[in-house]
Amino acid sequence: MRLVALVLCMMTTAGVFAAMFHAVLTYRRTENSRYFHRSAALELIWAAVPCLMFVACAAPAAKLILALPNNQPELTQPLQ
């Protein structure tokens, strides 16, 4: 499971950097940069992708936490 999480993090990082470098190299000195100014579709995608990633990561964690038995005192008692 740890290896899967590591690979997903690496793929996400590589994808973000690839998109960033593509945008910087393609649109830094051209007239195409005007298409990114106040683009509602781009802003929605920019906001939706991290939200979907959060849900994809939080759902398995919540499932695991809910599957824990309630009779484990070491998880509920304060440290002494």
N, C-alpha and C. Protein backbone atom coordinates (compact mmCIF):
# COMPACT_ATOMS: atom_id res chain seq x y z
N MET A 1 0.82 -1.19 0.00
CA MET A 1 0.00 0.00 0.00
C MET A 1 0.87 1.27 0.00
N ARG A 2 1.99 1.19 0.73
CA ARG A 2 2.88 2.35 0.77
C ARG A 2 3.50 2.62 -0.59
N LEU A 3 3.82 1.53 -1.29
CA LEU A 3 4.41 1.68 -2.62
C LEU A 3 3.40 2.31 -3.58
N VAL A 4 2.15 1.92 -3.47
CA VAL A 4 1.11 2.49 -4.33
C VAL A 4 0.98 3.99 -4.05
N ALA A 5 0.97 4.38 -2.78
CA ALA A 5 0.86 5.79 -2.43
C ALA A 5 2.08 6.56 -2.94
N LEU A 6 3.26 5.98 -2.83
CA LEU A 6 4.47 6.64 -3.32
C LEU A 6 4.40 6.83 -4.83
N VAL A 7 3.98 5.81 -5.54
CA VAL A 7 3.88 5.90 -7.00
C VAL A 7 2.85 6.95 -7.40
N LEU A 8 1.70 6.99 -6.71
CA LEU A 8 0.69 8.00 -7.01
C LEU A 8 1.21 9.41 -6.76
N CYS A 9 1.94 9.60 -5.67
CA CYS A 9 2.53 10.91 -5.40
C CYS A 9 3.55 11.30 -6.46
N MET A 10 4.35 10.35 -6.88
CA MET A 10 5.34 10.64 -7.91
C MET A 10 4.68 10.97 -9.24
N MET A 11 3.62 10.24 -9.59
CA MET A 11 2.92 10.51 -10.84
C MET A 11 2.24 11.88 -10.80
N THR A 12 1.64 12.21 -9.66
CA THR A 12 1.00 13.51 -9.52
C THR A 12 2.02 14.64 -9.64
N THR A 13 3.14 14.49 -8.97
CA THR A 13 4.19 15.50 -9.03
C THR A 13 4.72 15.66 -10.45
N ALA A 14 4.97 14.55 -11.13
CA ALA A 14 5.46 14.61 -12.51
C ALA A 14 4.43 15.27 -13.41
N GLY A 15 3.16 14.96 -13.24
CA GLY A 15 2.11 15.57 -14.05
C GLY A 15 2.00 17.07 -13.83
N VAL A 16 2.08 17.49 -12.58
CA VAL A 16 1.98 18.92 -12.27
C VAL A 16 3.17 19.68 -12.86
N PHE A 17 4.37 19.13 -12.70
CA PHE A 17 5.54 19.81 -13.25
C PHE A 17 5.51 19.82 -14.77
N ALA A 18 5.04 18.73 -15.38
CA ALA A 18 4.95 18.71 -16.85
C ALA A 18 3.97 19.76 -17.34
N ALA A 19 2.81 19.86 -16.69
CA ALA A 19 1.82 20.87 -17.09
C ALA A 19 2.36 22.28 -16.87
N MET A 20 3.06 22.49 -15.78
CA MET A 20 3.61 23.80 -15.48
C MET A 20 4.67 24.20 -16.52
N PHE A 21 5.59 23.29 -16.81
CA PHE A 21 6.62 23.60 -17.79
C PHE A 21 6.02 23.81 -19.18
N HIS A 22 5.04 23.01 -19.53
CA HIS A 22 4.38 23.18 -20.83
C HIS A 22 3.73 24.56 -20.92
N ALA A 23 3.02 24.96 -19.88
CA ALA A 23 2.36 26.27 -19.89
C ALA A 23 3.38 27.41 -19.94
N VAL A 24 4.44 27.28 -19.17
CA VAL A 24 5.45 28.34 -19.15
C VAL A 24 6.14 28.46 -20.50
N LEU A 25 6.53 27.34 -21.06
CA LEU A 25 7.27 27.39 -22.33
C LEU A 25 6.37 27.74 -23.51
N THR A 26 5.12 27.38 -23.45
CA THR A 26 4.22 27.64 -24.58
C THR A 26 3.64 29.04 -24.56
N TYR A 27 3.30 29.55 -23.41
CA TYR A 27 2.51 30.78 -23.34
C TYR A 27 3.24 31.97 -22.74
N ARG A 28 4.52 31.90 -22.51
CA ARG A 28 5.19 33.00 -21.82
C ARG A 28 5.36 34.24 -22.69
N ARG A 29 5.58 34.11 -23.98
CA ARG A 29 5.81 35.27 -24.83
C ARG A 29 4.97 35.26 -26.10
N THR A 30 3.80 34.73 -26.02
CA THR A 30 2.95 34.67 -27.20
C THR A 30 1.64 35.38 -26.92
N GLU A 31 0.88 35.55 -27.94
CA GLU A 31 -0.45 36.14 -27.80
C GLU A 31 -1.45 35.14 -27.25
N ASN A 32 -1.07 33.86 -27.16
CA ASN A 32 -1.97 32.83 -26.65
C ASN A 32 -2.25 32.99 -25.17
N SER A 33 -1.46 33.78 -24.47
CA SER A 33 -1.65 33.94 -23.03
C SER A 33 -2.98 34.60 -22.70
N ARG A 34 -3.56 35.31 -23.64
CA ARG A 34 -4.83 35.97 -23.37
C ARG A 34 -5.96 34.96 -23.15
N TYR A 35 -5.80 33.73 -23.64
CA TYR A 35 -6.84 32.72 -23.45
C TYR A 35 -6.93 32.25 -22.01
N PHE A 36 -5.88 32.45 -21.24
CA PHE A 36 -5.88 32.03 -19.85
C PHE A 36 -6.40 33.12 -18.91
N HIS A 37 -6.59 34.29 -19.40
CA HIS A 37 -7.04 35.39 -18.55
C HIS A 37 -8.55 35.28 -18.34
N ARG A 38 -8.96 35.13 -17.11
CA ARG A 38 -10.37 35.03 -16.72
C ARG A 38 -11.10 33.89 -17.44
N SER A 39 -10.47 32.76 -17.52
CA SER A 39 -11.08 31.59 -18.13
C SER A 39 -11.82 30.81 -17.04
N ALA A 40 -13.15 30.84 -17.08
CA ALA A 40 -13.95 30.16 -16.05
C ALA A 40 -13.74 28.66 -16.10
N ALA A 41 -13.64 28.09 -17.28
CA ALA A 41 -13.46 26.64 -17.40
C ALA A 41 -12.12 26.22 -16.79
N LEU A 42 -11.08 26.97 -17.08
CA LEU A 42 -9.77 26.65 -16.52
C LEU A 42 -9.76 26.79 -15.00
N GLU A 43 -10.41 27.80 -14.48
CA GLU A 43 -10.47 27.98 -13.03
C GLU A 43 -11.27 26.88 -12.36
N LEU A 44 -12.34 26.41 -13.00
CA LEU A 44 -13.12 25.30 -12.43
C LEU A 44 -12.29 24.02 -12.41
N ILE A 45 -11.58 23.76 -13.48
CA ILE A 45 -10.72 22.57 -13.52
C ILE A 45 -9.62 22.70 -12.47
N TRP A 46 -9.05 23.90 -12.37
CA TRP A 46 -7.97 24.15 -11.41
C TRP A 46 -8.44 23.91 -9.97
N ALA A 47 -9.71 24.18 -9.70
CA ALA A 47 -10.25 23.96 -8.36
C ALA A 47 -10.76 22.54 -8.17
N ALA A 48 -11.29 21.93 -9.21
CA ALA A 48 -11.90 20.60 -9.08
C ALA A 48 -10.88 19.49 -8.93
N VAL A 49 -9.77 19.59 -9.63
CA VAL A 49 -8.77 18.51 -9.59
C VAL A 49 -8.22 18.29 -8.17
N PRO A 50 -7.79 19.31 -7.43
CA PRO A 50 -7.34 19.06 -6.06
C PRO A 50 -8.46 18.53 -5.14
N CYS A 51 -9.68 18.99 -5.37
CA CYS A 51 -10.80 18.48 -4.57
C CYS A 51 -11.01 16.99 -4.81
N LEU A 52 -10.96 16.59 -6.06
CA LEU A 52 -11.11 15.16 -6.38
C LEU A 52 -9.95 14.34 -5.82
N MET A 53 -8.76 14.90 -5.86
CA MET A 53 -7.61 14.20 -5.28
C MET A 53 -7.77 14.05 -3.78
N PHE A 54 -8.29 15.08 -3.12
CA PHE A 54 -8.51 15.01 -1.68
C PHE A 54 -9.52 13.93 -1.35
N VAL A 55 -10.62 13.89 -2.07
CA VAL A 55 -11.64 12.87 -1.82
C VAL A 55 -11.08 11.48 -2.08
N ALA A 56 -10.29 11.34 -3.14
CA ALA A 56 -9.70 10.05 -3.46
C ALA A 56 -8.76 9.57 -2.36
N CYS A 57 -8.09 10.49 -1.69
CA CYS A 57 -7.19 10.11 -0.59
C CYS A 57 -7.93 9.96 0.74
N ALA A 58 -8.95 10.77 0.96
CA ALA A 58 -9.65 10.76 2.24
C ALA A 58 -10.60 9.58 2.38
N ALA A 59 -11.17 9.13 1.30
CA ALA A 59 -12.14 8.03 1.37
C ALA A 59 -11.52 6.75 1.93
N PRO A 60 -10.37 6.28 1.44
CA PRO A 60 -9.78 5.08 2.04
C PRO A 60 -9.36 5.29 3.49
N ALA A 61 -8.88 6.47 3.82
CA ALA A 61 -8.48 6.75 5.20
C ALA A 61 -9.69 6.70 6.13
N ALA A 62 -10.79 7.30 5.72
CA ALA A 62 -12.00 7.26 6.55
C ALA A 62 -12.52 5.85 6.69
N LYS A 63 -12.46 5.08 5.62
CA LYS A 63 -12.90 3.69 5.68
C LYS A 63 -12.05 2.89 6.67
N LEU A 64 -10.75 3.13 6.68
CA LEU A 64 -9.86 2.44 7.60
C LEU A 64 -10.13 2.85 9.04
N ILE A 65 -10.34 4.14 9.27
CA ILE A 65 -10.61 4.61 10.63
C ILE A 65 -11.92 4.05 11.15
N LEU A 66 -12.94 4.00 10.31
CA LEU A 66 -14.23 3.46 10.73
C LEU A 66 -14.16 1.95 10.96
N ALA A 67 -13.23 1.27 10.34
CA ALA A 67 -13.10 -0.17 10.52
C ALA A 67 -12.36 -0.55 11.80
N LEU A 68 -11.73 0.43 12.47
CA LEU A 68 -11.02 0.13 13.71
C LEU A 68 -12.02 -0.27 14.79
N PRO A 69 -11.68 -1.27 15.59
CA PRO A 69 -12.58 -1.63 16.70
C PRO A 69 -12.61 -0.52 17.75
N ASN A 70 -13.73 -0.38 18.40
CA ASN A 70 -13.91 0.69 19.39
C ASN A 70 -13.33 0.34 20.75
N ASN A 71 -12.82 -0.84 20.94
CA ASN A 71 -12.32 -1.24 22.25
C ASN A 71 -10.80 -1.22 22.33
N GLN A 72 -10.16 -0.29 21.70
CA GLN A 72 -8.71 -0.17 21.80
C GLN A 72 -8.37 1.01 22.68
N PRO A 73 -8.08 0.75 23.96
CA PRO A 73 -7.84 1.87 24.88
C PRO A 73 -6.60 2.70 24.53
N GLU A 74 -5.61 2.12 23.85
CA GLU A 74 -4.41 2.87 23.52
C GLU A 74 -4.70 3.98 22.51
N LEU A 75 -5.81 3.90 21.78
CA LEU A 75 -6.17 4.94 20.84
C LEU A 75 -7.02 6.03 21.48
N THR A 76 -7.64 5.72 22.61
CA THR A 76 -8.56 6.68 23.22
C THR A 76 -8.06 7.28 24.52
N GLN A 77 -7.09 6.66 25.18
CA GLN A 77 -6.61 7.14 26.46
C GLN A 77 -5.50 8.16 26.25
N PRO A 78 -5.46 9.21 27.07
CA PRO A 78 -4.35 10.18 26.96
C PRO A 78 -3.04 9.54 27.42
N LEU A 79 -1.95 10.07 26.91
CA LEU A 79 -0.64 9.57 27.33
C LEU A 79 -0.36 9.93 28.77
N GLN A 80 0.29 9.03 29.49
CA GLN A 80 0.59 9.28 30.90
C GLN A 80 2.07 9.34 31.14
